[in-house]
C-alpha atoms as a PDB file:
ATOM      1  CA  UNK A   1     -29.009  50.364  47.270  1.00  0.00           C
ATOM      2  CA  UNK A   2     -25.541  48.819  47.138  1.00  0.00           C
ATOM      3  CA  UNK A   3     -24.545  48.445  43.521  1.00  0.00           C
ATOM      4  CA  UNK A   4     -23.870  44.706  44.044  1.00  0.00           C
ATOM      5  CA  UNK A   5     -27.346  43.958  45.459  1.00  0.00           C
ATOM      6  CA  UNK A   6     -29.263  41.607  43.115  1.00  0.00           C
ATOM      7  CA  UNK A   7     -32.363  43.087  41.520  1.00  0.00           C
ATOM      8  CA  UNK A   8     -34.371  39.938  42.260  1.00  0.00           C
ATOM      9  CA  UNK A   9     -34.876  38.989  45.914  1.00  0.00           C
ATOM     10  CA  UNK A  10     -33.569  35.609  47.085  1.00  0.00           C
ATOM     11  CA  UNK A  11     -37.110  34.259  47.396  1.00  0.00           C
ATOM     12  CA  UNK A  12     -37.831  35.151  43.775  1.00  0.00           C
ATOM     13  CA  UNK A  13     -34.534  33.928  42.352  1.00  0.00           C
ATOM     14  CA  UNK A  14     -34.807  31.164  39.793  1.00  0.00           C
ATOM     15  CA  UNK A  15     -33.401  27.783  40.682  1.00  0.00           C
ATOM     16  CA  UNK A  16     -30.603  26.216  38.649  1.00  0.00           C
ATOM     17  CA  UNK A  17     -33.141  23.728  37.270  1.00  0.00           C
ATOM     18  CA  UNK A  18     -35.319  26.609  36.088  1.00  0.00           C
ATOM     19  CA  UNK A  19     -32.343  28.206  34.371  1.00  0.00           C
ATOM     20  CA  UNK A  20     -31.110  25.004  32.714  1.00  0.00           C
ATOM     21  CA  UNK A  21     -34.498  23.439  32.082  1.00  0.00           C
ATOM     22  CA  UNK A  22     -33.380  20.427  34.147  1.00  0.00           C
ATOM     23  CA  UNK A  23     -30.626  19.734  31.589  1.00  0.00           C
ATOM     24  CA  UNK A  24     -27.577  19.355  33.764  1.00  0.00           C
ATOM     25  CA  UNK A  25     -24.664  18.549  31.482  1.00  0.00           C
ATOM     26  CA  UNK A  26     -22.428  17.502  34.350  1.00  0.00           C
ATOM     27  CA  UNK A  27     -24.493  14.392  35.037  1.00  0.00           C
ATOM     28  CA  UNK A  28     -22.575  12.334  32.515  1.00  0.00           C
ATOM     29  CA  UNK A  29     -19.201  13.630  33.723  1.00  0.00           C
ATOM     30  CA  UNK A  30     -19.584  12.482  37.313  1.00  0.00           C
ATOM     31  CA  UNK A  31     -17.840   9.109  37.000  1.00  0.00           C
ATOM     32  CA  UNK A  32     -15.177   7.465  34.890  1.00  0.00           C
ATOM     33  CA  UNK A  33     -17.600   4.854  33.519  1.00  0.00           C
ATOM     34  CA  UNK A  34     -20.127   7.472  32.372  1.00  0.00           C
ATOM     35  CA  UNK A  35     -17.459   9.676  30.817  1.00  0.00           C
ATOM     36  CA  UNK A  36     -16.265   6.666  28.835  1.00  0.00           C
ATOM     37  CA  UNK A  37     -19.797   5.877  27.699  1.00  0.00           C
ATOM     38  CA  UNK A  38     -20.318   9.286  26.123  1.00  0.00           C
ATOM     39  CA  UNK A  39     -16.789   9.959  24.839  1.00  0.00           C
ATOM     40  CA  UNK A  40     -17.186  11.240  21.277  1.00  0.00           C
ATOM     41  CA  UNK A  41     -13.688  10.580  19.883  1.00  0.00           C
ATOM     42  CA  UNK A  42     -11.083   7.949  20.629  1.00  0.00           C
ATOM     43  CA  UNK A  43      -7.424   7.515  19.810  1.00  0.00           C
ATOM     44  CA  UNK A  44      -6.327   3.981  18.966  1.00  0.00           C
ATOM     45  CA  UNK A  45      -3.086   2.425  17.776  1.00  0.00           C
ATOM     46  CA  UNK A  46      -4.699   2.144  14.335  1.00  0.00           C
ATOM     47  CA  UNK A  47      -4.497   5.948  14.048  1.00  0.00           C
ATOM     48  CA  UNK A  48      -0.701   6.082  14.294  1.00  0.00           C
ATOM     49  CA  UNK A  49       1.958   6.490  11.615  1.00  0.00           C
ATOM     50  CA  UNK A  50       5.537   6.613  12.899  1.00  0.00           C
ATOM     51  CA  UNK A  51       8.071   8.816  11.061  1.00  0.00           C
ATOM     52  CA  UNK A  52      11.640   7.508  11.378  1.00  0.00           C
ATOM     53  CA  UNK A  53      15.038   8.801  10.254  1.00  0.00           C
ATOM     54  CA  UNK A  54      17.509   6.436   8.585  1.00  0.00           C
ATOM     55  CA  UNK A  55      21.233   6.703   7.891  1.00  0.00           C
ATOM     56  CA  UNK A  56      23.955   4.596   6.310  1.00  0.00           C
ATOM     57  CA  UNK A  57      26.234   2.375   8.357  1.00  0.00           C
ATOM     58  CA  UNK A  58      25.752  -0.350  10.913  1.00  0.00           C
ATOM     59  CA  UNK A  59      24.724  -0.492  14.551  1.00  0.00           C
ATOM     60  CA  UNK A  60      24.699   3.278  14.886  1.00  0.00           C
ATOM     61  CA  UNK A  61      22.159   5.550  16.515  1.00  0.00           C
ATOM     62  CA  UNK A  62      22.525   9.342  16.411  1.00  0.00           C
ATOM     63  CA  UNK A  63      20.710  11.559  18.860  1.00  0.00           C
ATOM     64  CA  UNK A  64      18.855  14.546  17.374  1.00  0.00           C
ATOM     65  CA  UNK A  65      19.479  17.367  19.838  1.00  0.00           C
ATOM     66  CA  UNK A  66      16.336  19.322  18.916  1.00  0.00           C
ATOM     67  CA  UNK A  67      14.120  16.227  19.205  1.00  0.00           C
ATOM     68  CA  UNK A  68      14.787  14.524  22.547  1.00  0.00           C
ATOM     69  CA  UNK A  69      14.071  10.803  22.353  1.00  0.00           C
ATOM     70  CA  UNK A  70      14.216  10.685  18.539  1.00  0.00           C
ATOM     71  CA  UNK A  71      17.239   9.208  16.743  1.00  0.00           C
ATOM     72  CA  UNK A  72      18.678   8.684  13.306  1.00  0.00           C
ATOM     73  CA  UNK A  73      19.214   4.937  12.917  1.00  0.00           C
ATOM     74  CA  UNK A  74      21.184   2.671  10.642  1.00  0.00           C
ATOM     75  CA  UNK A  75      19.037   0.127   8.829  1.00  0.00           C
ATOM     76  CA  UNK A  76      19.827  -2.798  11.142  1.00  0.00           C
ATOM     77  CA  UNK A  77      18.600  -0.821  14.156  1.00  0.00           C
ATOM     78  CA  UNK A  78      15.661   0.658  12.237  1.00  0.00           C
ATOM     79  CA  UNK A  79      14.449  -2.838  11.333  1.00  0.00           C
ATOM     80  CA  UNK A  80      14.529  -3.870  15.005  1.00  0.00           C
ATOM     81  CA  UNK A  81      12.605  -0.762  16.059  1.00  0.00           C
ATOM     82  CA  UNK A  82      10.001  -1.279  13.333  1.00  0.00           C
ATOM     83  CA  UNK A  83       9.590  -4.907  14.398  1.00  0.00           C
ATOM     84  CA  UNK A  84       8.838  -3.653  17.910  1.00  0.00           C
ATOM     85  CA  UNK A  85       6.372  -1.070  16.586  1.00  0.00           C
ATOM     86  CA  UNK A  86       4.609  -3.780  14.587  1.00  0.00           C
ATOM     87  CA  UNK A  87       4.202  -5.899  17.722  1.00  0.00           C
ATOM     88  CA  UNK A  88       2.551  -2.891  19.365  1.00  0.00           C
ATOM     89  CA  UNK A  89       0.100  -2.702  16.460  1.00  0.00           C
ATOM     90  CA  UNK A  90       1.417   0.432  14.719  1.00  0.00           C
ATOM     91  CA  UNK A  91       0.122   0.010  11.141  1.00  0.00           C
ATOM     92  CA  UNK A  92       2.552   2.163   9.149  1.00  0.00           C
ATOM     93  CA  UNK A  93       5.831   4.060   9.190  1.00  0.00           C
ATOM     94  CA  UNK A  94       7.155   6.977   7.132  1.00  0.00           C
ATOM     95  CA  UNK A  95      10.872   6.997   6.349  1.00  0.00           C
ATOM     96  CA  UNK A  96      13.170  10.008   5.930  1.00  0.00           C
ATOM     97  CA  UNK A  97      16.916   9.971   5.195  1.00  0.00           C
ATOM     98  CA  UNK A  98      19.954  11.892   6.325  1.00  0.00           C
ATOM     99  CA  UNK A  99      22.567  11.287   3.646  1.00  0.00           C
ATOM    100  CA  UNK A 100      26.207  12.224   3.329  1.00  0.00           C
ATOM    101  CA  UNK A 101      26.825  15.748   2.046  1.00  0.00           C
ATOM    102  CA  UNK A 102      28.990  14.322  -0.718  1.00  0.00           C
ATOM    103  CA  UNK A 103      25.877  12.661  -2.195  1.00  0.00           C
ATOM    104  CA  UNK A 104      23.879  15.906  -2.359  1.00  0.00           C
ATOM    105  CA  UNK A 105      23.845  18.140  -5.409  1.00  0.00           C
ATOM    106  CA  UNK A 106      21.870  20.962  -7.031  1.00  0.00           C
ATOM    107  CA  UNK A 107      19.289  18.591  -8.514  1.00  0.00           C
ATOM    108  CA  UNK A 108      19.032  15.996  -5.755  1.00  0.00           C
ATOM    109  CA  UNK A 109      20.014  13.309  -8.244  1.00  0.00           C
ATOM    110  CA  UNK A 110      20.809  10.690  -5.579  1.00  0.00           C
ATOM    111  CA  UNK A 111      17.072  10.260  -5.032  1.00  0.00           C
ATOM    112  CA  UNK A 112      17.095   8.330  -8.347  1.00  0.00           C
ATOM    113  CA  UNK A 113      19.596   5.757  -7.058  1.00  0.00           C
ATOM    114  CA  UNK A 114      17.723   2.480  -6.410  1.00  0.00           C
ATOM    115  CA  UNK A 115      20.284   1.723  -3.699  1.00  0.00           C
ATOM    116  CA  UNK A 116      19.997   4.963  -1.761  1.00  0.00           C
ATOM    117  CA  UNK A 117      19.316   4.581   1.938  1.00  0.00           C
ATOM    118  CA  UNK A 118      15.564   5.146   1.635  1.00  0.00           C
ATOM    119  CA  UNK A 119      15.097   2.392  -0.931  1.00  0.00           C
ATOM    120  CA  UNK A 120      17.350   0.008   0.968  1.00  0.00           C
ATOM    121  CA  UNK A 121      15.387   0.775   4.139  1.00  0.00           C
ATOM    122  CA  UNK A 122      12.137  -0.075   2.382  1.00  0.00           C
ATOM    123  CA  UNK A 123      13.492  -3.422   1.156  1.00  0.00           C
ATOM    124  CA  UNK A 124      14.995  -4.325   4.528  1.00  0.00           C
ATOM    125  CA  UNK A 125      11.886  -3.434   6.510  1.00  0.00           C
ATOM    126  CA  UNK A 126       9.545  -5.202   4.074  1.00  0.00           C
ATOM    127  CA  UNK A 127      11.680  -8.333   4.257  1.00  0.00           C
ATOM    128  CA  UNK A 128      11.583  -8.348   8.062  1.00  0.00           C
ATOM    129  CA  UNK A 129       8.113  -6.928   8.718  1.00  0.00           C
ATOM    130  CA  UNK A 130       6.017  -7.499   5.587  1.00  0.00           C
ATOM    131  CA  UNK A 131       2.804  -6.492   7.338  1.00  0.00           C
ATOM    132  CA  UNK A 132       4.065  -2.969   8.080  1.00  0.00           C
ATOM    133  CA  UNK A 133       2.866  -0.252   5.715  1.00  0.00           C
ATOM    134  CA  UNK A 134       5.707   1.881   4.361  1.00  0.00           C
ATOM    135  CA  UNK A 135       5.229   5.509   3.282  1.00  0.00           C
ATOM    136  CA  UNK A 136       8.021   7.241   1.378  1.00  0.00           C
ATOM    137  CA  UNK A 137       8.515  10.871   0.425  1.00  0.00           C
ATOM    138  CA  UNK A 138       9.609  11.639  -3.141  1.00  0.00           C
ATOM    139  CA  UNK A 139      10.585  15.261  -2.373  1.00  0.00           C
ATOM    140  CA  UNK A 140      14.168  16.255  -3.085  1.00  0.00           C
ATOM    141  CA  UNK A 141      15.145  18.280   0.005  1.00  0.00           C
ATOM    142  CA  UNK A 142      17.175  15.576   1.816  1.00  0.00           C
ATOM    143  CA  UNK A 143      19.110  15.025  -1.422  1.00  0.00           C
ATOM    144  CA  UNK A 144      19.853  18.612  -2.552  1.00  0.00           C
ATOM    145  CA  UNK A 145      22.893  20.659  -1.632  1.00  0.00           C
ATOM    146  CA  UNK A 146      20.687  23.717  -1.046  1.00  0.00           C
ATOM    147  CA  UNK A 147      17.985  22.143   1.146  1.00  0.00           C
ATOM    148  CA  UNK A 148      15.051  22.953  -1.130  1.00  0.00           C
ATOM    149  CA  UNK A 149      12.357  20.469  -2.125  1.00  0.00           C
ATOM    150  CA  UNK A 150      12.996  20.984  -5.833  1.00  0.00           C
ATOM    151  CA  UNK A 151      15.645  21.691  -8.429  1.00  0.00           C
ATOM    152  CA  UNK A 152      17.217  25.126  -8.068  1.00  0.00           C
ATOM    153  CA  UNK A 153      17.993  27.053 -11.256  1.00  0.00           C
ATOM    154  CA  UNK A 154      19.290  30.653 -11.024  1.00  0.00           C
ATOM    155  CA  UNK A 155      17.642  31.185  -7.665  1.00  0.00           C
ATOM    156  CA  UNK A 156      14.285  29.693  -8.723  1.00  0.00           C
ATOM    157  CA  UNK A 157      12.814  26.319  -7.778  1.00  0.00           C
ATOM    158  CA  UNK A 158      11.775  25.080 -11.201  1.00  0.00           C
ATOM    159  CA  UNK A 159       8.428  23.318 -11.152  1.00  0.00           C
ATOM    160  CA  UNK A 160       8.176  21.028 -14.169  1.00  0.00           C
ATOM    161  CA  UNK A 161      11.715  19.670 -14.095  1.00  0.00           C
ATOM    162  CA  UNK A 162      11.262  18.928 -10.404  1.00  0.00           C
ATOM    163  CA  UNK A 163       7.958  17.138 -11.052  1.00  0.00           C
ATOM    164  CA  UNK A 164       9.617  14.926 -13.661  1.00  0.00           C
ATOM    165  CA  UNK A 165      12.313  13.877 -11.194  1.00  0.00           C
ATOM    166  CA  UNK A 166       9.883  13.419  -8.297  1.00  0.00           C
ATOM    167  CA  UNK A 167       7.718  11.135 -10.454  1.00  0.00           C
ATOM    168  CA  UNK A 168      10.755   9.075 -11.477  1.00  0.00           C
ATOM    169  CA  UNK A 169      11.797   8.774  -7.822  1.00  0.00           C
ATOM    170  CA  UNK A 170       8.289   7.633  -6.873  1.00  0.00           C
ATOM    171  CA  UNK A 171       8.501   4.746  -9.340  1.00  0.00           C
ATOM    172  CA  UNK A 172      11.851   3.649  -7.905  1.00  0.00           C
ATOM    173  CA  UNK A 173      10.433   3.827  -4.385  1.00  0.00           C
ATOM    174  CA  UNK A 174       7.463   1.712  -5.463  1.00  0.00           C
ATOM    175  CA  UNK A 175       9.828  -0.811  -7.063  1.00  0.00           C
ATOM    176  CA  UNK A 176      11.597  -1.039  -3.705  1.00  0.00           C
ATOM    177  CA  UNK A 177       8.337  -1.929  -1.965  1.00  0.00           C
ATOM    178  CA  UNK A 178       6.787   1.350  -0.812  1.00  0.00           C
ATOM    179  CA  UNK A 179       3.043   1.038  -0.237  1.00  0.00           C
ATOM    180  CA  UNK A 180       2.256   4.758  -0.295  1.00  0.00           C
ATOM    181  CA  UNK A 181       4.075   7.620  -2.005  1.00  0.00           C
ATOM    182  CA  UNK A 182       3.706  10.855  -0.045  1.00  0.00           C
ATOM    183  CA  UNK A 183       5.335  13.702  -2.009  1.00  0.00           C
ATOM    184  CA  UNK A 184       5.939  16.741   0.203  1.00  0.00           C
ATOM    185  CA  UNK A 185       7.440  19.097  -2.379  1.00  0.00           C
ATOM    186  CA  UNK A 186       4.239  21.073  -3.175  1.00  0.00           C
ATOM    187  CA  UNK A 187       5.073  21.420  -6.882  1.00  0.00           C
ATOM    188  CA  UNK A 188       2.099  22.009  -9.179  1.00  0.00           C
ATOM    189  CA  UNK A 189       1.016  18.869 -11.033  1.00  0.00           C
ATOM    190  CA  UNK A 190       3.121  16.416  -9.053  1.00  0.00           C
ATOM    191  CA  UNK A 191       0.217  14.172  -8.016  1.00  0.00           C
ATOM    192  CA  UNK A 192      -1.015  13.637 -11.562  1.00  0.00           C
ATOM    193  CA  UNK A 193       2.512  12.984 -12.830  1.00  0.00           C
ATOM    194  CA  UNK A 194       3.214  10.477 -10.046  1.00  0.00           C
ATOM    195  CA  UNK A 195      -0.096   8.696 -10.628  1.00  0.00           C
ATOM    196  CA  UNK A 196       0.589   8.419 -14.355  1.00  0.00           C
ATOM    197  CA  UNK A 197       4.142   7.177 -13.774  1.00  0.00           C
ATOM    198  CA  UNK A 198       3.080   4.587 -11.201  1.00  0.00           C
ATOM    199  CA  UNK A 199       0.274   3.287 -13.403  1.00  0.00           C
ATOM    200  CA  UNK A 200       2.495   3.137 -16.491  1.00  0.00           C
ATOM    201  CA  UNK A 201       4.987   0.989 -14.571  1.00  0.00           C
ATOM    202  CA  UNK A 202       2.462  -1.461 -13.163  1.00  0.00           C
ATOM    203  CA  UNK A 203       2.030   0.082  -9.714  1.00  0.00           C
ATOM    204  CA  UNK A 204      -1.692   0.789  -9.875  1.00  0.00           C
ATOM    205  CA  UNK A 205      -2.086  -0.443  -6.287  1.00  0.00           C
ATOM    206  CA  UNK A 206       0.484   1.941  -4.803  1.00  0.00           C
ATOM    207  CA  UNK A 207      -1.450   4.775  -3.164  1.00  0.00           C
ATOM    208  CA  UNK A 208      -0.643   8.483  -2.986  1.00  0.00           C
ATOM    209  CA  UNK A 209      -0.919  10.447   0.237  1.00  0.00           C
ATOM    210  CA  UNK A 210      -0.778  14.062  -0.821  1.00  0.00           C
ATOM    211  CA  UNK A 211       0.856  16.652   1.379  1.00  0.00           C
ATOM    212  CA  UNK A 212      -2.013  18.679  -0.033  1.00  0.00           C
ATOM    213  CA  UNK A 213      -1.763  21.536   2.426  1.00  0.00           C
ATOM    214  CA  UNK A 214       1.826  21.988   3.525  1.00  0.00           C
ATOM    215  CA  UNK A 215       2.244  25.434   5.003  1.00  0.00           C
ATOM    216  CA  UNK A 216       5.284  27.715   5.124  1.00  0.00           C
ATOM    217  CA  UNK A 217       5.750  27.166   8.842  1.00  0.00           C
ATOM    218  CA  UNK A 218       8.203  27.886  11.640  1.00  0.00           C
ATOM    219  CA  UNK A 219       7.537  24.428  13.094  1.00  0.00           C
ATOM    220  CA  UNK A 220       9.860  22.458  10.785  1.00  0.00           C
ATOM    221  CA  UNK A 221      13.162  23.474  12.353  1.00  0.00           C
ATOM    222  CA  UNK A 222      13.967  20.301  14.329  1.00  0.00           C
ATOM    223  CA  UNK A 223      13.123  18.126  11.301  1.00  0.00           C
ATOM    224  CA  UNK A 224      15.622  20.045   9.195  1.00  0.00           C
ATOM    225  CA  UNK A 225      18.270  19.251  11.793  1.00  0.00           C
ATOM    226  CA  UNK A 226      17.231  15.594  11.649  1.00  0.00           C
ATOM    227  CA  UNK A 227      17.672  15.288   7.860  1.00  0.00           C
ATOM    228  CA  UNK A 228      20.702  17.562   7.728  1.00  0.00           C
ATOM    229  CA  UNK A 229      19.263  20.484   5.751  1.00  0.00           C
ATOM    230  CA  UNK A 230      19.153  23.116   8.510  1.00  0.00           C
ATOM    231  CA  UNK A 231      22.516  24.636   7.584  1.00  0.00           C
ATOM    232  CA  UNK A 232      22.052  24.184   3.845  1.00  0.00           C
ATOM    233  CA  UNK A 233      18.790  25.964   3.135  1.00  0.00           C
ATOM    234  CA  UNK A 234      19.222  28.984   0.901  1.00  0.00           C
ATOM    235  CA  UNK A 235      16.379  31.448   1.392  1.00  0.00           C
ATOM    236  CA  UNK A 236      12.965  30.105   2.336  1.00  0.00           C
ATOM    237  CA  UNK A 237      10.217  27.928   0.855  1.00  0.00           C
ATOM    238  CA  UNK A 238       7.458  30.502   0.570  1.00  0.00           C
ATOM    239  CA  UNK A 239       7.316  30.305  -3.233  1.00  0.00           C
ATOM    240  CA  UNK A 240       5.939  26.768  -3.071  1.00  0.00           C
ATOM    241  CA  UNK A 241       4.561  26.129   0.437  1.00  0.00           C
ATOM    242  CA  UNK A 242       1.167  27.661   1.322  1.00  0.00           C
ATOM    243  CA  UNK A 243       1.012  30.991   3.173  1.00  0.00           C
ATOM    244  CA  UNK A 244      -0.063  30.152   6.719  1.00  0.00           C
ATOM    245  CA  UNK A 245      -2.633  32.969   6.563  1.00  0.00           C
ATOM    246  CA  UNK A 246      -4.605  31.234   3.808  1.00  0.00           C
ATOM    247  CA  UNK A 247      -7.449  28.782   4.279  1.00  0.00           C
ATOM    248  CA  UNK A 248      -9.328  28.930   0.961  1.00  0.00           C
ATOM    249  CA  UNK A 249      -6.082  28.363  -0.914  1.00  0.00           C
ATOM    250  CA  UNK A 250      -5.508  25.199   1.117  1.00  0.00           C
ATOM    251  CA  UNK A 251      -8.903  23.887   0.041  1.00  0.00           C
ATOM    252  CA  UNK A 252      -8.089  24.622  -3.612  1.00  0.00           C
ATOM    253  CA  UNK A 253      -4.761  22.795  -3.289  1.00  0.00           C
ATOM    254  CA  UNK A 254      -6.491  19.753  -1.806  1.00  0.00           C
ATOM    255  CA  UNK A 255      -9.163  19.759  -4.509  1.00  0.00           C
ATOM    256  CA  UNK A 256      -6.533  19.911  -7.250  1.00  0.00           C
ATOM    257  CA  UNK A 257      -4.601  16.980  -5.776  1.00  0.00           C
ATOM    258  CA  UNK A 258      -7.761  14.883  -5.530  1.00  0.00           C
ATOM    259  CA  UNK A 259      -8.605  15.645  -9.161  1.00  0.00           C
ATOM    260  CA  UNK A 260      -5.110  14.486 -10.125  1.00  0.00           C
ATOM    261  CA  UNK A 261      -5.518  11.163  -8.325  1.00  0.00           C
ATOM    262  CA  UNK A 262      -4.563  11.535  -4.652  1.00  0.00           C
ATOM    263  CA  UNK A 263      -6.023   8.805  -2.421  1.00  0.00           C
ATOM    264  CA  UNK A 264      -5.471  10.617   0.870  1.00  0.00           C
ATOM    265  CA  UNK A 265      -4.925  14.178   2.065  1.00  0.00           C
ATOM    266  CA  UNK A 266      -2.448  15.415   4.629  1.00  0.00           C
ATOM    267  CA  UNK A 267      -2.326  18.670   6.586  1.00  0.00           C
ATOM    268  CA  UNK A 268       1.101  19.785   7.773  1.00  0.00           C
ATOM    269  CA  UNK A 269       1.784  21.046  10.438  1.00  0.00           C
ATOM    270  CA  UNK A 270      -1.006  19.732  12.617  1.00  0.00           C
ATOM    271  CA  UNK A 271      -1.998  21.629  15.746  1.00  0.00           C
ATOM    272  CA  UNK A 272      -1.867  25.170  14.282  1.00  0.00           C
ATOM    273  CA  UNK A 273      -4.088  23.993  11.406  1.00  0.00           C
ATOM    274  CA  UNK A 274      -6.951  22.078  13.022  1.00  0.00           C
ATOM    275  CA  UNK A 275      -9.366  24.383  11.189  1.00  0.00           C
ATOM    276  CA  UNK A 276      -7.901  23.248   7.864  1.00  0.00           C
ATOM    277  CA  UNK A 277      -8.311  19.595   8.816  1.00  0.00           C
ATOM    278  CA  UNK A 278     -11.965  20.189   9.635  1.00  0.00           C
ATOM    279  CA  UNK A 279     -12.570  22.102   6.398  1.00  0.00           C
ATOM    280  CA  UNK A 280     -10.982  19.405   4.243  1.00  0.00           C
ATOM    281  CA  UNK A 281     -12.874  16.600   5.950  1.00  0.00           C
ATOM    282  CA  UNK A 282     -16.198  18.420   5.703  1.00  0.00           C
ATOM    283  CA  UNK A 283     -15.592  19.472   2.103  1.00  0.00           C
ATOM    284  CA  UNK A 284     -14.236  16.276   0.569  1.00  0.00           C
ATOM    285  CA  UNK A 285     -15.038  13.424   3.010  1.00  0.00           C
ATOM    286  CA  UNK A 286     -11.742  11.794   1.997  1.00  0.00           C
ATOM    287  CA  UNK A 287      -9.200  10.008   4.226  1.00  0.00           C
ATOM    288  CA  UNK A 288      -7.486  12.903   5.956  1.00  0.00           C
ATOM    289  CA  UNK A 289      -4.274  12.860   7.965  1.00  0.00           C
ATOM    290  CA  UNK A 290      -2.240  15.303  10.015  1.00  0.00           C
ATOM    291  CA  UNK A 291       1.499  15.435  10.516  1.00  0.00           C
ATOM    292  CA  UNK A 292       2.317  16.391  14.094  1.00  0.00           C
ATOM    293  CA  UNK A 293       5.605  17.898  13.001  1.00  0.00           C
ATOM    294  CA  UNK A 294       8.952  18.118  14.746  1.00  0.00           C
ATOM    295  CA  UNK A 295       8.333  21.545  16.251  1.00  0.00           C
ATOM    296  CA  UNK A 296       5.098  20.375  17.832  1.00  0.00           C
ATOM    297  CA  UNK A 297       6.855  17.316  19.263  1.00  0.00           C
ATOM    298  CA  UNK A 298       9.804  19.331  20.557  1.00  0.00           C
ATOM    299  CA  UNK A 299       7.610  21.939  22.271  1.00  0.00           C
ATOM    300  CA  UNK A 300       5.807  19.267  24.265  1.00  0.00           C
ATOM    301  CA  UNK A 301       9.048  17.497  25.137  1.00  0.00           C
ATOM    302  CA  UNK A 302      10.805  20.724  26.183  1.00  0.00           C
ATOM    303  CA  UNK A 303       7.931  21.916  28.350  1.00  0.00           C
ATOM    304  CA  UNK A 304       7.671  18.489  29.969  1.00  0.00           C
ATOM    305  CA  UNK A 305      11.428  18.378  30.628  1.00  0.00           C
ATOM    306  CA  UNK A 306      11.152  21.719  32.439  1.00  0.00           C
ATOM    307  CA  UNK A 307       8.240  20.515  34.541  1.00  0.00           C
ATOM    308  CA  UNK A 308       5.872  23.079  33.034  1.00  0.00           C
ATOM    309  CA  UNK A 309       3.347  20.532  31.769  1.00  0.00           C
ATOM    310  CA  UNK A 310       2.493  16.885  32.218  1.00  0.00           C
ATOM    311  CA  UNK A 311       4.126  15.603  29.043  1.00  0.00           C
ATOM    312  CA  UNK A 312       2.128  12.381  28.688  1.00  0.00           C
ATOM    313  CA  UNK A 313      -1.198  14.114  29.188  1.00  0.00           C
ATOM    314  CA  UNK A 314      -0.293  16.909  26.776  1.00  0.00           C
ATOM    315  CA  UNK A 315       0.838  14.338  24.221  1.00  0.00           C
ATOM    316  CA  UNK A 316      -2.434  12.397  24.391  1.00  0.00           C
ATOM    317  CA  UNK A 317      -4.567  15.554  24.425  1.00  0.00           C
ATOM    318  CA  UNK A 318      -2.804  16.909  21.341  1.00  0.00           C
ATOM    319  CA  UNK A 319      -3.296  13.658  19.428  1.00  0.00           C
ATOM    320  CA  UNK A 320      -6.954  13.407  20.367  1.00  0.00           C
ATOM    321  CA  UNK A 321      -7.473  16.943  19.060  1.00  0.00           C
ATOM    322  CA  UNK A 322      -6.605  15.653  15.580  1.00  0.00           C
ATOM    323  CA  UNK A 323      -9.285  12.985  15.852  1.00  0.00           C
ATOM    324  CA  UNK A 324     -11.805  15.567  17.013  1.00  0.00           C
ATOM    325  CA  UNK A 325     -10.937  17.758  14.033  1.00  0.00           C
ATOM    326  CA  UNK A 326     -11.664  14.883  11.643  1.00  0.00           C
ATOM    327  CA  UNK A 327      -8.384  13.038  11.115  1.00  0.00           C
ATOM    328  CA  UNK A 328      -8.340   9.400  10.118  1.00  0.00           C
ATOM    329  CA  UNK A 329      -4.705   9.083  11.159  1.00  0.00           C
ATOM    330  CA  UNK A 330      -1.731  11.009  12.522  1.00  0.00           C
ATOM    331  CA  UNK A 331       1.960  11.004  11.694  1.00  0.00           C
ATOM    332  CA  UNK A 332       3.639  11.468  15.061  1.00  0.00           C
ATOM    333  CA  UNK A 333       7.056  10.868  16.584  1.00  0.00           C
ATOM    334  CA  UNK A 334       5.200   9.821  19.723  1.00  0.00           C
ATOM    335  CA  UNK A 335       3.766   6.729  17.988  1.00  0.00           C
ATOM    336  CA  UNK A 336       5.703   3.961  19.813  1.00  0.00           C
ATOM    337  CA  UNK A 337       5.184   5.570  23.210  1.00  0.00           C
ATOM    338  CA  UNK A 338       1.480   6.109  22.574  1.00  0.00           C
ATOM    339  CA  UNK A 339       1.118   2.526  21.352  1.00  0.00           C
ATOM    340  CA  UNK A 340       2.746   1.287  24.561  1.00  0.00           C
ATOM    341  CA  UNK A 341       0.386   3.414  26.671  1.00  0.00           C
ATOM    342  CA  UNK A 342      -2.703   2.307  24.756  1.00  0.00           C
ATOM    343  CA  UNK A 343      -1.671  -1.329  25.025  1.00  0.00           C
ATOM    344  CA  UNK A 344      -1.042  -0.941  28.744  1.00  0.00           C
END
């Protein structure tokens, strides 16, 4: 007998219906209308948070080479872009600065200036687009001369002194009109300190989105170019960001931040950590967000520019994966484009 001859004769072979028990899963995939009826997850404009980069000056837009289509903008241009995003239905933005090197020092002290570019951006955007939610980051890295998220003392990022400054910065950002403080520094105790400081200063309604699980990742490179820390960073951030091999530790970090008063959890980066998103959502059932970081954005844009993938389809597929994993919202540089596509 030929070794490829089936054991069962053709007359005795089971039909597909016998094998599947008449459950043919392709039935509901056969047409667009039926696929839409049974679609389990959907991406809407309400899921989008748009990170933007702001700079001092007027009527100036700087291209970020590593992030095609993303720009640093002076406040006048940023306000116009946010107005457009609001008309598209984008509910919130997250602001990040690139400040002059002369304003950066070992402790990131410029973050405590009520008139720094982040606080002025918040006031300008709130005045023009009061309905737009504004999320600010109280971490020190855009303000330090060494590119770290905390205060550097004798080669060590000191935790408690950093937390004190981050909490003070959060109050100033709330005074400027920030709706959500999202500290990305990963210092121990920062959430509790920020919550106490906000409450003590009358900002009980300002929420905290915790970068609860921010991993030591290779995907942040383009962002560091955007905020001007790429050439400044001394060493790495492994002593305070989570090891990307660890999942249980991420859950413990999230639990600690919730106990200290976090209102929302964030996972950063996004796509390489879909398992973490699912674990946090299943474990805590709290509002959970992902940051589709600069490296994720740039990979899609670069592959699309080379004709290797359909960029729009890859963009939408990647964002829907966050919803499938359990996200309530996504920080993404694609937000305005996605909003346009969803509206269309």
